[in-house]
Protein backbone atom coordinates (compact mmCIF):
# COMPACT_ATOMS: atom_id res chain seq x y z
CA MET A 1 3.91 -5.09 -17.36
CA GLU A 2 0.39 -6.42 -16.89
CA VAL A 3 -2.14 -4.10 -15.30
CA THR A 4 -5.22 -5.60 -13.69
CA LYS A 5 -8.20 -3.38 -12.86
CA GLU A 6 -10.73 -4.56 -10.35
CA GLY A 7 -13.26 -1.98 -9.22
CA ILE A 8 -11.32 0.97 -7.84
CA VAL A 9 -7.99 -0.89 -7.65
CA THR A 10 -5.25 -1.40 -10.21
CA THR A 11 -2.48 -3.92 -9.75
CA GLU A 12 0.65 -4.18 -11.84
CA PHE A 13 4.09 -5.71 -11.59
CA VAL A 14 7.01 -3.37 -12.18
CA GLY A 15 9.86 -5.83 -12.34
CA THR A 16 9.44 -7.95 -9.22
CA VAL A 17 7.42 -5.32 -7.32
CA LYS A 18 3.66 -5.65 -7.02
CA VAL A 19 2.25 -2.12 -7.23
CA VAL A 20 -1.27 -1.55 -5.94
CA SER A 21 -2.97 1.76 -6.74
CA PHE A 22 -6.44 3.05 -6.03
CA LEU A 23 -8.46 4.97 -8.60
CA SER A 24 -10.50 6.65 -5.89
CA GLY A 25 -10.49 6.71 -2.14
CA ARG A 26 -13.52 8.49 -0.84
CA ILE A 27 -15.52 7.21 2.11
CA ARG A 28 -18.17 5.51 -0.02
CA GLU A 29 -15.52 3.27 -1.60
CA GLU A 30 -13.89 2.32 1.70
CA ARG A 31 -15.36 -1.18 1.62
CA GLU A 32 -13.68 -1.83 -1.74
CA VAL A 33 -10.39 -0.45 -0.41
CA PHE A 34 -10.62 -2.83 2.57
CA LYS A 35 -11.38 -5.76 0.30
CA ALA A 36 -8.36 -4.97 -1.87
CA LEU A 37 -6.09 -4.68 1.18
CA GLU A 38 -7.37 -7.99 2.57
CA GLU A 39 -6.67 -9.68 -0.78
CA LEU A 40 -3.20 -8.15 -0.74
CA GLY A 41 -2.66 -9.74 2.68
CA GLN A 42 -3.51 -13.13 1.17
CA TYR A 43 -1.03 -12.47 -1.64
CA ILE A 44 1.72 -11.58 0.85
CA GLU A 45 1.09 -14.75 2.87
CA ALA A 46 1.08 -16.92 -0.26
CA ASN A 47 4.24 -15.29 -1.69
CA PRO A 48 6.92 -15.09 1.03
CA GLY A 49 9.59 -12.51 0.29
CA SER A 50 7.30 -10.51 -1.97
CA LYS A 51 7.90 -6.85 -2.71
CA VAL A 52 4.78 -4.70 -2.39
CA LEU A 53 4.24 -1.02 -3.01
CA ILE A 54 0.95 0.69 -2.23
CA ASN A 55 0.41 3.94 -4.09
CA LEU A 56 -1.97 6.06 -2.01
CA LYS A 57 -2.09 9.03 -4.39
CA SER A 58 -5.88 8.89 -4.81
CA ILE A 59 -6.74 8.11 -1.21
CA GLU A 60 -8.38 11.17 0.33
CA TYR A 61 -9.62 9.54 3.53
CA LEU A 62 -8.33 6.68 5.63
CA SER A 63 -10.17 5.48 8.74
CA SER A 64 -8.55 3.92 11.77
CA ALA A 65 -9.65 0.54 10.41
CA GLY A 66 -7.82 1.29 7.16
CA LEU A 67 -4.69 2.24 9.10
CA GLY A 68 -5.01 -1.00 11.03
CA LEU A 69 -5.16 -2.98 7.80
CA LEU A 70 -2.00 -1.27 6.51
CA VAL A 71 -0.16 -2.04 9.76
CA GLY A 72 -1.34 -5.65 9.48
CA LEU A 73 0.00 -5.87 5.92
CA LEU A 74 3.35 -4.48 7.05
CA LYS A 75 3.55 -7.10 9.82
CA LYS A 76 2.66 -9.92 7.41
CA SER A 77 5.25 -8.70 4.95
CA ARG A 78 7.99 -8.55 7.59
CA LYS A 79 6.97 -11.97 8.97
CA THR A 80 7.34 -13.53 5.50
CA GLY A 81 10.62 -11.77 4.71
CA GLY A 82 9.08 -9.35 2.24
CA GLN A 83 9.39 -5.66 1.60
CA PHE A 84 6.44 -3.29 1.98
CA LYS A 85 6.47 0.40 1.07
CA LEU A 86 3.98 3.24 0.64
CA CYS A 87 4.13 6.19 -1.71
CA SER A 88 2.33 9.33 -2.85
CA LEU A 89 0.41 10.07 0.34
CA GLN A 90 -1.73 13.18 0.20
CA GLU A 91 -0.75 15.80 2.76
CA THR A 92 -3.67 15.11 5.10
CA ILE A 93 -2.97 11.36 5.06
CA TYR A 94 0.76 11.94 5.66
CA GLU A 95 -0.07 14.21 8.61
CA LEU A 96 -2.26 11.44 10.04
CA PHE A 97 0.67 9.01 9.72
CA GLU A 98 2.91 11.53 11.51
CA VAL A 99 0.46 12.06 14.37
CA MET A 100 0.06 8.29 14.78
CA ARG A 101 3.88 7.90 14.56
CA LEU A 102 3.43 5.52 11.63
CA THR A 103 6.13 7.39 9.68
CA LYS A 104 8.60 5.63 11.98
CA ILE A 105 7.49 2.13 11.01
CA PHE A 106 6.52 2.51 7.34
CA GLU A 107 8.86 3.30 4.49
CA ILE A 108 7.07 6.20 2.81
CA PHE A 109 8.19 7.77 -0.45
CA GLU A 110 7.14 10.95 -2.21
CA ASN A 111 6.36 9.20 -5.50
CA GLN A 112 6.23 5.79 -7.11
CA ASN A 113 9.55 6.10 -8.96
CA GLU A 114 11.46 6.87 -5.75
CA ALA A 115 9.81 3.93 -4.02
CA LEU A 116 10.59 1.54 -6.85
CA LYS A 117 14.26 2.60 -6.80
CA ALA A 118 14.36 1.89 -3.05
CA PHE A 119 13.42 -1.76 -3.64
CA ASN A 120 16.59 -2.19 -5.68
CA THR A 121 19.00 -0.70 -3.13
């Protein structure tokens, strides 16, 4: 399992699943979060059928632009036959997803282990 750290983002492969985690997610780092999500979009396009898990445990704030990027990644993943899941959302972020009805389109798991198991079923 190789872990790559770039700024506030860590990326690792757990089996065939690319796991992206953020070390911090405050407003001042939002630009770095966006950059990481855009790079993830390029990865999804270049690797059809990829399995991607985004661990949002450290994200304390997510703007509408950030939500839009996540929806875009989900669409790219579905278009290329991949799987895309989210895990470890803080309560305020999960409530935002509920209000926006995004819990109906995203597969969201309580923790990373549960999400990883779901890729194998």
